[in-house]
Protein backbone atom coordinates (compact mmCIF):
# COMPACT_ATOMS: atom_id res chain seq x y z
CA MET A 1 217.06 26.02 151.63
CA THR A 2 214.45 27.87 150.09
CA GLU A 3 211.84 31.33 151.40
CA SER A 4 213.02 31.50 155.14
CA LEU A 5 210.04 30.42 157.13
CA HIS A 6 209.00 33.32 160.05
CA LEU A 7 208.52 31.86 163.43
CA VAL A 8 207.85 32.16 166.64
CA PHE A 9 209.49 30.44 169.59
CA CYS A 10 208.15 30.07 173.06
CA GLY A 11 210.05 28.30 175.46
CA THR A 12 211.40 28.97 178.87
CA PRO A 13 213.88 26.22 180.39
CA GLN A 14 217.24 25.38 179.26
CA PHE A 15 216.11 21.95 177.63
CA ALA A 16 214.42 25.21 174.88
CA VAL A 17 217.39 26.37 174.56
CA PRO A 18 219.59 24.67 171.43
CA VAL A 19 216.68 24.92 169.69
CA LEU A 20 216.71 28.20 169.82
CA GLU A 21 220.02 28.54 168.95
CA LYS A 22 220.02 25.90 166.22
CA LEU A 23 216.87 27.51 164.26
CA VAL A 24 218.49 31.39 164.43
CA ALA A 25 221.55 28.85 163.13
CA ALA A 26 219.84 27.18 160.64
CA GLY A 27 218.83 30.70 159.24
CA PHE A 28 214.64 31.13 160.15
CA SER A 29 213.24 34.53 161.02
CA VAL A 30 212.66 34.05 164.45
CA ASP A 31 210.86 37.25 164.83
CA ARG A 32 209.72 37.10 168.22
CA VAL A 33 210.34 34.88 171.95
CA ALA A 34 208.41 34.66 174.35
CA THR A 35 208.99 32.67 177.55
CA GLN A 36 208.17 33.79 181.53
CA PRO A 37 208.58 36.79 183.52
CA ASP A 38 211.68 36.69 185.40
CA ARG A 39 211.22 35.07 188.41
CA PRO A 40 212.79 35.26 192.35
CA ARG A 41 215.46 33.42 192.99
CA GLY A 42 218.13 32.21 195.28
CA ARG A 43 218.50 33.97 199.40
CA GLY A 44 218.18 37.06 198.10
CA LEU A 45 215.40 36.37 196.24
CA GLU A 46 216.93 38.04 192.78
CA LEU A 47 214.97 38.23 189.47
CA VAL A 48 216.14 35.75 187.12
CA ALA A 49 215.74 36.20 183.70
CA SER A 50 214.53 32.83 181.90
CA PRO A 51 217.50 30.43 180.27
CA VAL A 52 215.22 30.66 177.11
CA LYS A 53 215.19 35.01 177.10
CA GLN A 54 218.77 34.82 178.15
CA SER A 55 219.63 33.37 174.79
CA ALA A 56 217.80 35.46 172.63
CA LEU A 57 218.86 38.37 174.48
CA ARG A 58 222.42 37.17 173.33
CA LEU A 59 220.91 36.41 169.49
CA ASN A 60 219.51 39.87 169.89
CA LEU A 61 215.78 38.70 169.27
CA PRO A 62 212.78 41.09 170.09
CA THR A 63 211.18 38.80 173.64
CA VAL A 64 208.06 39.59 175.12
CA GLU A 65 207.14 37.85 178.81
CA PRO A 66 203.33 37.76 179.18
CA GLU A 67 201.69 36.63 182.90
CA ARG A 68 199.11 35.48 180.40
CA ILE A 69 198.09 34.17 176.93
CA LYS A 70 194.53 33.01 176.99
CA THR A 71 193.09 36.60 177.18
CA ASN A 72 195.74 38.22 176.47
CA ASP A 73 194.78 40.71 173.24
CA GLU A 74 198.30 42.95 173.37
CA PHE A 75 199.99 39.37 173.03
CA ARG A 76 197.52 38.45 170.62
CA ASN A 77 197.49 41.08 168.14
CA GLN A 78 201.64 41.42 168.34
CA LEU A 79 201.43 37.39 166.67
CA ALA A 80 198.85 38.25 164.58
CA HIS A 81 200.78 40.95 163.01
CA LEU A 82 203.52 38.80 162.35
CA LYS A 83 201.78 36.14 160.96
CA PRO A 84 204.65 33.65 161.93
CA ASP A 85 204.68 30.61 159.41
CA ALA A 86 204.69 28.69 162.61
CA ILE A 87 204.93 28.67 166.12
CA ILE A 88 207.77 26.74 168.34
CA VAL A 89 206.61 25.16 171.62
CA VAL A 90 209.49 23.74 173.75
CA GLY A 91 208.93 23.70 177.67
CA TYR A 92 206.88 26.98 177.51
CA GLY A 93 204.90 26.41 180.95
CA ARG A 94 201.47 27.86 179.48
CA LEU A 95 198.66 26.09 178.30
CA ILE A 96 198.49 27.73 173.84
CA PRO A 97 194.79 28.43 173.64
CA GLN A 98 193.07 27.90 170.62
CA TRP A 99 193.54 31.43 168.82
CA MET A 100 197.04 30.72 168.93
CA LEU A 101 196.50 27.10 167.54
CA ASP A 102 195.15 28.26 164.47
CA LEU A 103 197.17 31.04 163.65
CA PRO A 104 200.20 29.56 161.85
CA ARG A 105 199.99 27.71 158.20
CA PHE A 106 201.84 25.34 159.75
CA GLY A 107 200.76 25.20 163.45
CA ASN A 108 201.99 24.71 166.72
CA ILE A 109 205.42 22.61 166.44
CA ASN A 110 206.29 21.56 170.13
CA LEU A 111 209.09 19.31 170.41
CA HIS A 112 208.56 16.42 173.93
CA ALA A 113 211.30 14.79 175.20
CA SER A 114 209.48 10.94 174.66
CA LEU A 115 208.59 8.76 172.14
CA LEU A 116 204.58 9.91 172.05
CA PRO A 117 202.63 8.67 173.22
CA LYS A 118 205.13 6.97 175.95
CA TYR A 119 204.97 9.58 178.93
CA ARG A 120 202.39 12.33 177.92
CA GLY A 121 202.90 15.25 180.67
CA ALA A 122 205.57 17.96 182.26
CA ALA A 123 208.06 15.18 183.30
CA PRO A 124 208.66 12.84 180.66
CA ILE A 125 212.83 12.65 180.91
CA GLN A 126 212.24 12.32 184.74
CA TRP A 127 209.78 8.98 184.47
CA ALA A 128 211.26 7.34 181.96
CA ILE A 129 214.50 6.88 183.68
CA ALA A 130 212.42 6.26 186.91
CA LYS A 131 210.10 3.62 185.26
CA GLY A 132 213.68 2.01 184.12
CA GLU A 133 213.16 2.04 180.92
CA THR A 134 216.97 1.33 178.12
CA VAL A 135 215.03 3.51 174.72
CA THR A 136 213.60 6.89 175.24
CA GLY A 137 213.91 9.50 172.30
CA VAL A 138 212.56 13.04 171.01
CA THR A 139 208.97 13.92 169.12
CA THR A 140 207.75 16.97 166.65
CA MET A 141 203.99 17.37 167.06
CA ARG A 142 201.57 19.56 166.08
CA LEU A 143 199.71 20.60 169.36
CA ASP A 144 196.45 20.36 170.09
CA ALA A 145 193.61 21.26 172.72
CA GLY A 146 195.15 18.31 174.48
CA LEU A 147 197.85 16.75 176.95
CA ASP A 148 200.43 15.77 174.03
CA THR A 149 197.83 14.77 172.42
CA GLY A 150 198.81 16.24 168.56
CA ASP A 151 199.76 14.74 165.86
CA ILE A 152 203.18 13.03 165.58
CA LEU A 153 205.12 15.05 163.06
CA LEU A 154 209.11 13.23 163.45
CA GLN A 155 210.41 11.27 166.03
CA ARG A 156 214.02 10.32 166.76
CA GLU A 157 215.14 7.14 169.52
CA VAL A 158 217.84 7.84 171.81
CA ALA A 159 219.46 5.59 174.74
CA ILE A 160 219.13 5.85 177.83
CA GLU A 161 222.83 4.43 179.60
CA PRO A 162 222.96 2.91 182.48
CA ALA A 163 224.88 5.63 184.14
CA ASP A 164 222.39 8.54 182.91
CA THR A 165 220.46 11.35 184.88
CA ALA A 166 218.09 13.45 184.46
CA GLU A 167 220.72 15.81 184.36
CA THR A 168 222.96 14.38 182.02
CA LEU A 169 219.77 12.41 179.83
CA ALA A 170 218.49 16.37 178.94
CA PRO A 171 221.11 17.82 177.24
CA ARG A 172 221.61 15.27 174.80
CA LEU A 173 217.82 15.30 174.47
CA ALA A 174 217.58 18.74 173.86
CA SER A 175 220.77 18.89 171.30
CA ILE A 176 218.88 16.23 169.32
CA GLY A 177 215.66 17.33 169.35
CA ALA A 178 217.14 20.48 168.08
CA ASP A 179 218.47 19.12 164.44
CA LEU A 180 214.79 17.34 164.65
CA MET A 181 212.80 20.75 164.82
CA ILE A 182 214.95 21.98 162.12
CA GLU A 183 214.14 18.96 160.03
CA THR A 184 210.90 19.34 160.89
CA LEU A 185 210.07 22.71 159.66
CA LEU A 186 212.32 21.67 156.61
CA GLY A 187 210.12 18.48 155.59
CA LEU A 188 207.07 20.84 156.41
CA GLN A 189 208.19 23.55 154.34
CA ALA A 190 208.84 20.53 151.32
CA GLY A 191 205.45 18.82 152.35
CA GLY A 192 207.28 16.18 153.02
CA ILE A 193 206.18 14.92 156.51
CA GLN A 194 202.72 12.99 156.97
CA PRO A 195 201.21 13.53 160.03
CA ARG A 196 199.85 10.52 162.10
CA ALA A 197 197.99 10.26 164.76
CA GLN A 198 198.47 8.77 168.41
CA ASP A 199 197.82 5.44 169.29
CA ASN A 200 195.79 6.87 173.36
CA ALA A 201 195.29 3.10 173.96
CA GLN A 202 199.59 3.09 173.97
CA ALA A 203 200.07 6.27 176.62
CA THR A 204 201.69 6.52 179.34
CA LEU A 205 201.80 9.86 181.38
CA ALA A 206 204.38 11.96 182.74
CA PRO A 207 203.20 13.92 185.72
CA ILE A 208 204.70 16.71 186.97
CA LEU A 209 207.37 16.08 190.11
CA LYS A 210 206.09 16.24 193.64
CA LYS A 211 207.88 16.19 196.88
CA GLU A 212 206.61 13.66 197.93
CA ASP A 213 207.42 11.06 194.69
CA GLY A 214 211.79 11.20 196.16
CA ALA A 215 210.14 9.63 199.47
CA ILE A 216 212.52 6.14 199.32
CA ASP A 217 209.94 3.19 199.28
CA PHE A 218 212.39 0.26 200.81
CA SER A 219 209.69 -2.26 199.67
CA LEU A 220 210.50 -1.65 196.26
CA PRO A 221 213.93 -4.20 194.88
CA ALA A 222 217.06 -2.16 194.75
CA SER A 223 216.75 -1.40 190.96
CA GLU A 224 214.01 0.25 191.23
CA ILE A 225 214.77 2.64 194.35
CA LEU A 226 218.15 3.57 191.92
CA ASN A 227 216.08 3.89 188.80
CA ARG A 228 213.85 6.25 190.70
CA MET A 229 217.31 7.95 192.05
CA ARG A 230 218.74 8.09 189.49
CA GLY A 231 215.68 9.68 187.66
CA PHE A 232 214.97 12.13 190.23
CA GLN A 233 218.39 14.25 189.96
CA PRO A 234 218.79 17.42 190.99
CA TRP A 235 215.19 17.11 192.09
CA PRO A 236 213.07 15.87 194.54
CA GLY A 237 216.03 13.33 195.08
CA ALA A 238 216.17 10.34 197.06
CA TYR A 239 215.73 10.78 201.14
CA THR A 240 214.51 8.70 203.89
CA LYS A 241 214.00 9.06 207.24
CA PHE A 242 216.76 8.27 210.11
CA ARG A 243 216.48 9.40 213.83
CA GLN A 244 213.23 11.50 212.91
CA LYS A 245 215.78 13.68 210.50
CA THR A 246 215.45 13.54 206.67
CA LEU A 247 218.17 11.63 204.55
CA GLN A 248 219.10 12.10 201.79
CA ILE A 249 221.04 9.06 199.87
CA VAL A 250 222.74 11.13 197.25
CA ARG A 251 224.47 8.08 195.62
CA ALA A 252 223.97 4.16 196.11
CA ARG A 253 225.23 1.13 194.36
CA PRO A 254 223.28 -2.40 194.37
CA ALA A 255 225.68 -4.62 197.02
CA ASP A 256 224.81 -8.73 197.12
CA GLU A 257 224.45 -9.09 200.89
CA GLU A 258 221.15 -10.06 202.17
CA VAL A 259 219.81 -7.80 204.65
CA PRO A 260 216.03 -7.58 206.15
CA GLN A 261 214.12 -4.35 204.05
CA SER A 262 215.10 -0.90 205.25
CA GLU A 263 217.48 -2.33 208.01
CA LEU A 264 220.93 -1.09 208.27
CA LEU A 265 223.69 -3.22 208.27
CA VAL A 266 227.18 -2.31 208.45
CA ALA A 267 229.97 -4.31 207.02
CA GLY A 268 233.38 -3.23 207.57
CA SER A 269 233.00 -0.03 206.20
CA ARG A 270 230.79 -0.07 203.66
CA VAL A 271 227.01 1.16 205.21
CA LEU A 272 224.05 -1.43 203.72
CA VAL A 273 220.65 -0.84 203.85
CA GLY A 274 217.68 -3.91 202.96
CA CYS A 275 215.52 -3.46 200.02
CA GLY A 276 212.12 -5.26 198.26
CA ARG A 277 212.85 -8.47 196.83
CA ASN A 278 215.67 -9.30 199.02
CA THR A 279 218.42 -7.33 197.38
CA SER A 280 220.43 -4.31 198.89
CA LEU A 281 221.89 -1.39 198.52
CA GLU A 282 225.35 -0.04 199.58
CA LEU A 283 224.82 3.86 200.24
CA LEU A 284 228.23 5.82 199.06
CA ASP A 285 227.06 9.31 200.20
CA VAL A 286 224.25 10.78 201.76
CA GLN A 287 223.15 14.07 203.43
CA LEU A 288 221.42 14.39 206.88
CA GLU A 289 219.04 17.39 207.40
CA GLY A 290 221.03 20.39 208.37
CA LYS A 291 224.19 18.48 207.61
CA LYS A 292 226.52 18.66 204.27
CA ARG A 293 227.14 15.66 202.09
CA ILE A 294 229.26 13.37 203.06
CA ALA A 295 230.41 9.78 202.50
CA ALA A 296 229.09 6.96 203.79
CA ARG A 297 231.66 5.95 205.60
CA ASP A 298 231.98 9.40 207.75
CA PHE A 299 228.63 8.94 208.33
CA LEU A 300 229.42 5.14 209.69
CA HIS A 301 231.69 6.37 212.23
CA GLY A 302 229.61 10.02 212.99
CA TYR A 303 226.20 8.11 213.71
CA ARG A 304 227.31 4.40 214.18
CA PRO A 305 223.97 3.03 213.31
CA ARG A 306 222.98 0.35 215.63
CA PRO A 307 222.50 -3.47 214.52
CA GLY A 308 219.29 -3.90 213.28
CA GLU A 309 217.97 0.29 212.97
CA LYS A 310 216.20 1.19 210.50
CA LEU A 311 215.62 3.93 207.60
CA GLY A 312 212.39 5.47 206.66
CA SER A 313 211.08 5.53 210.80
């Protein structure tokens, strides 16, 4: 590497940790790490540091945890004093104000977990799986004032395997994205990257997940329901109603039998439910409200679904 770039890193979740760690390992000078403040978690509501803060402390990097940044003069003065060459933003959870966008010579470089302009927004990994995509990727881009609308710097495609969930795909994208960030910074330093504008006409959205996104619509074909189950792990999951109580469907697989939509069918020791377009699912693991996760055969023996009984009502 030529002269080491001076960076400020802004990030919060586990997805951002590989980027931070690889930047340090590659010899970049990370002069400050900004992350969300410690938040109460668990039954005891004890304050827990973000994954990025925990990583920064292990790496002996100076950290700051501003509650707000747009009108925070102290934070603004800190960054202005550091004179970073670039600000790296990965899942920070804050809108980046114009003064930050204008500060470094290489701009604010973001790693986004999709092939922009597809899946702009807070949950690109989850929605790509939920929509049945077989390919996604990572993008480095220069942030602007819009929502994931900045110029693309580099991209890398990543296959979505049939068994992938949001939990298995995210670490893979984070690792590949960390390498892409290194390549991006070196390319910018060498003058070898030509930013390109996004085609807004091709944009799709990946909004932040809501609890109701996990509610199963049995009018959808089984394949679409399974995709949503894979994408919405660990939250909000996939749930329905059984005898007026919430039933989480933890694991399921396609079945060949035709079953009336949303009806349960007992076939030997198997429990099936009808879906849209004459498709069906076999339930494998479920969890009834207030109970432990159990195998479908134990659900069958414990609750003995009646002929024609439906889910969702």
